[in-house]
Amino acid sequence: MRTLDQVLEDALQLSYEQQEMLIKILQNRYHENRRTEIATDAQQTLADFHTGKYPHQSAQDVIAALRQSSNETEK
């Protein structure tokens, strides 16, 4: 397997246009992979919710818990 330094050295040998294309390709692939990861996490969370792993809460209760958590981390 190639090291990151080797890959970077190879990338620097490309023309500026090709480097720009490479950057865009990597960004697009990163974003797509991240979207897939978020979707998978969301599906798992919904499945957990539907099986009763998480209790029903009102929006006010959730906001109050978030504020309390935020205040505790600031101390």
N, C-alpha and C. Protein backbone atom coordinates (compact mmCIF):
# COMPACT_ATOMS: atom_id res chain seq x y z
N MET A 1 0.84 -1.18 0.00
CA MET A 1 0.00 0.00 0.00
C MET A 1 0.89 1.25 0.00
N ARG A 2 0.47 2.24 -0.74
CA ARG A 2 1.25 3.47 -0.86
C ARG A 2 0.98 4.37 0.34
N THR A 3 1.99 5.14 0.72
CA THR A 3 1.82 6.06 1.84
C THR A 3 1.18 7.35 1.33
N LEU A 4 0.68 8.13 2.27
CA LEU A 4 0.08 9.41 1.91
C LEU A 4 1.11 10.32 1.25
N ASP A 5 2.33 10.31 1.76
CA ASP A 5 3.38 11.13 1.14
C ASP A 5 3.62 10.74 -0.31
N GLN A 6 3.59 9.46 -0.62
CA GLN A 6 3.80 9.00 -1.99
C GLN A 6 2.66 9.46 -2.89
N VAL A 7 1.45 9.36 -2.39
CA VAL A 7 0.29 9.79 -3.17
C VAL A 7 0.35 11.29 -3.41
N LEU A 8 0.71 12.05 -2.39
CA LEU A 8 0.82 13.50 -2.55
C LEU A 8 1.91 13.87 -3.56
N GLU A 9 3.03 13.19 -3.49
CA GLU A 9 4.10 13.45 -4.45
C GLU A 9 3.62 13.18 -5.88
N ASP A 10 2.89 12.09 -6.06
CA ASP A 10 2.35 11.78 -7.39
C ASP A 10 1.36 12.85 -7.83
N ALA A 11 0.51 13.30 -6.91
CA ALA A 11 -0.49 14.31 -7.25
C ALA A 11 0.18 15.61 -7.66
N LEU A 12 1.29 15.94 -7.04
CA LEU A 12 1.99 17.18 -7.38
C LEU A 12 2.64 17.12 -8.77
N GLN A 13 2.78 15.93 -9.31
CA GLN A 13 3.34 15.77 -10.65
C GLN A 13 2.28 16.04 -11.73
N LEU A 14 1.02 16.08 -11.35
CA LEU A 14 -0.06 16.34 -12.30
C LEU A 14 -0.07 17.81 -12.69
N SER A 15 -0.68 18.10 -13.82
CA SER A 15 -0.85 19.51 -14.22
C SER A 15 -1.82 20.17 -13.25
N TYR A 16 -1.84 21.50 -13.24
CA TYR A 16 -2.75 22.22 -12.34
C TYR A 16 -4.20 21.85 -12.61
N GLU A 17 -4.54 21.68 -13.88
CA GLU A 17 -5.91 21.31 -14.23
C GLU A 17 -6.26 19.93 -13.68
N GLN A 18 -5.32 19.01 -13.80
CA GLN A 18 -5.56 17.66 -13.29
C GLN A 18 -5.60 17.66 -11.76
N GLN A 19 -4.78 18.49 -11.13
CA GLN A 19 -4.82 18.59 -9.67
C GLN A 19 -6.19 19.11 -9.22
N GLU A 20 -6.70 20.10 -9.94
CA GLU A 20 -8.01 20.65 -9.62
C GLU A 20 -9.11 19.60 -9.79
N MET A 21 -9.02 18.82 -10.87
CA MET A 21 -9.97 17.74 -11.09
C MET A 21 -9.89 16.71 -9.98
N LEU A 22 -8.67 16.35 -9.57
CA LEU A 22 -8.47 15.39 -8.50
C LEU A 22 -9.09 15.88 -7.20
N ILE A 23 -8.89 17.15 -6.89
CA ILE A 23 -9.46 17.72 -5.68
C ILE A 23 -10.98 17.63 -5.71
N LYS A 24 -11.58 17.98 -6.85
CA LYS A 24 -13.04 17.92 -6.97
C LYS A 24 -13.55 16.49 -6.86
N ILE A 25 -12.86 15.56 -7.47
CA ILE A 25 -13.26 14.15 -7.40
C ILE A 25 -13.20 13.67 -5.96
N LEU A 26 -12.11 13.98 -5.27
CA LEU A 26 -11.96 13.55 -3.88
C LEU A 26 -13.03 14.17 -2.99
N GLN A 27 -13.31 15.45 -3.20
CA GLN A 27 -14.35 16.12 -2.40
C GLN A 27 -15.71 15.48 -2.65
N ASN A 28 -16.03 15.22 -3.91
CA ASN A 28 -17.32 14.61 -4.24
C ASN A 28 -17.45 13.22 -3.63
N ARG A 29 -16.40 12.44 -3.71
CA ARG A 29 -16.44 11.10 -3.13
C ARG A 29 -16.54 11.15 -1.62
N TYR A 30 -15.81 12.09 -1.01
CA TYR A 30 -15.89 12.25 0.45
C TYR A 30 -17.32 12.61 0.86
N HIS A 31 -17.92 13.58 0.18
CA HIS A 31 -19.28 14.01 0.52
C HIS A 31 -20.28 12.87 0.31
N GLU A 32 -20.13 12.12 -0.75
CA GLU A 32 -21.04 11.00 -1.01
C GLU A 32 -20.90 9.94 0.08
N ASN A 33 -19.67 9.62 0.44
CA ASN A 33 -19.45 8.63 1.51
C ASN A 33 -20.01 9.12 2.83
N ARG A 34 -19.85 10.40 3.11
CA ARG A 34 -20.37 10.96 4.35
C ARG A 34 -21.89 10.93 4.36
N ARG A 35 -22.52 11.26 3.23
CA ARG A 35 -23.99 11.20 3.13
C ARG A 35 -24.48 9.78 3.36
N THR A 36 -23.78 8.80 2.80
CA THR A 36 -24.16 7.41 2.99
C THR A 36 -24.04 7.01 4.45
N GLU A 37 -22.97 7.44 5.10
CA GLU A 37 -22.76 7.14 6.52
C GLU A 37 -23.87 7.76 7.37
N ILE A 38 -24.22 9.01 7.09
CA ILE A 38 -25.28 9.69 7.83
C ILE A 38 -26.61 8.98 7.62
N ALA A 39 -26.91 8.59 6.40
CA ALA A 39 -28.17 7.89 6.11
C ALA A 39 -28.23 6.55 6.84
N THR A 40 -27.12 5.83 6.87
CA THR A 40 -27.08 4.55 7.58
C THR A 40 -27.31 4.76 9.07
N ASP A 41 -26.65 5.77 9.64
CA ASP A 41 -26.84 6.09 11.05
C ASP A 41 -28.29 6.46 11.35
N ALA A 42 -28.89 7.24 10.46
CA ALA A 42 -30.28 7.66 10.64
C ALA A 42 -31.22 6.46 10.59
N GLN A 43 -30.99 5.55 9.65
CA GLN A 43 -31.83 4.35 9.56
C GLN A 43 -31.71 3.51 10.82
N GLN A 44 -30.50 3.38 11.36
CA GLN A 44 -30.30 2.60 12.58
C GLN A 44 -30.98 3.27 13.77
N THR A 45 -30.87 4.59 13.84
CA THR A 45 -31.49 5.33 14.93
C THR A 45 -33.01 5.19 14.87
N LEU A 46 -33.59 5.29 13.68
CA LEU A 46 -35.03 5.12 13.53
C LEU A 46 -35.46 3.70 13.92
N ALA A 47 -34.68 2.72 13.50
CA ALA A 47 -35.00 1.34 13.87
C ALA A 47 -34.94 1.17 15.38
N ASP A 48 -33.93 1.75 16.02
CA ASP A 48 -33.81 1.68 17.48
C ASP A 48 -34.99 2.37 18.15
N PHE A 49 -35.40 3.51 17.61
CA PHE A 49 -36.54 4.24 18.16
C PHE A 49 -37.81 3.40 18.07
N HIS A 50 -38.02 2.78 16.91
CA HIS A 50 -39.24 1.99 16.71
C HIS A 50 -39.27 0.72 17.57
N THR A 51 -38.11 0.24 17.97
CA THR A 51 -38.08 -0.94 18.84
C THR A 51 -38.14 -0.55 20.31
N GLY A 52 -38.23 0.76 20.60
CA GLY A 52 -38.40 1.21 21.98
C GLY A 52 -37.10 1.51 22.71
N LYS A 53 -36.00 1.55 22.00
CA LYS A 53 -34.73 1.83 22.65
C LYS A 53 -34.68 3.26 23.19
N TYR A 54 -35.36 4.18 22.51
CA TYR A 54 -35.40 5.58 22.93
C TYR A 54 -36.84 5.94 23.31
N PRO A 55 -37.02 6.59 24.45
CA PRO A 55 -38.39 6.94 24.87
C PRO A 55 -38.92 8.14 24.10
N HIS A 56 -40.25 8.25 24.05
CA HIS A 56 -40.88 9.42 23.45
C HIS A 56 -40.65 10.60 24.39
N GLN A 57 -40.31 11.75 23.81
CA GLN A 57 -40.10 12.97 24.60
C GLN A 57 -40.68 14.15 23.84
N SER A 58 -41.12 15.14 24.61
CA SER A 58 -41.62 16.36 23.96
C SER A 58 -40.42 17.19 23.52
N ALA A 59 -40.68 18.11 22.60
CA ALA A 59 -39.62 18.99 22.13
C ALA A 59 -39.06 19.82 23.28
N GLN A 60 -39.95 20.28 24.19
CA GLN A 60 -39.49 21.08 25.33
C GLN A 60 -38.55 20.28 26.22
N ASP A 61 -38.86 19.00 26.44
CA ASP A 61 -37.99 18.16 27.27
C ASP A 61 -36.61 17.97 26.63
N VAL A 62 -36.60 17.76 25.33
CA VAL A 62 -35.34 17.56 24.61
C VAL A 62 -34.50 18.84 24.66
N ILE A 63 -35.14 19.99 24.43
CA ILE A 63 -34.43 21.27 24.47
C ILE A 63 -33.87 21.53 25.87
N ALA A 64 -34.67 21.25 26.89
CA ALA A 64 -34.21 21.45 28.27
C ALA A 64 -33.02 20.55 28.57
N ALA A 65 -33.05 19.31 28.12
CA ALA A 65 -31.93 18.39 28.35
C ALA A 65 -30.67 18.86 27.62
N LEU A 66 -30.84 19.36 26.39
CA LEU A 66 -29.70 19.88 25.63
C LEU A 66 -29.10 21.10 26.31
N ARG A 67 -29.96 21.99 26.80
CA ARG A 67 -29.45 23.18 27.50
C ARG A 67 -28.71 22.80 28.77
N GLN A 68 -29.26 21.84 29.51
CA GLN A 68 -28.61 21.39 30.73
C GLN A 68 -27.25 20.77 30.41
N SER A 69 -27.21 19.94 29.38
CA SER A 69 -25.96 19.31 28.96
C SER A 69 -24.95 20.36 28.54
N SER A 70 -25.42 21.38 27.80
CA SER A 70 -24.54 22.44 27.35
C SER A 70 -23.98 23.24 28.53
N ASN A 71 -24.83 23.52 29.50
CA ASN A 71 -24.38 24.26 30.69
C ASN A 71 -23.38 23.47 31.48
N GLU A 72 -23.54 22.15 31.56
CA GLU A 72 -22.63 21.31 32.31
C GLU A 72 -21.26 21.23 31.65
N THR A 73 -21.21 21.24 30.33
CA THR A 73 -19.93 21.16 29.63
C THR A 73 -19.17 22.48 29.68
N GLU A 74 -19.88 23.58 29.89
CA GLU A 74 -19.23 24.89 29.97
C GLU A 74 -18.53 25.10 31.31
N LYS A 75 -18.93 24.36 32.32
CA LYS A 75 -18.34 24.55 33.67
C LYS A 75 -16.99 23.96 33.81
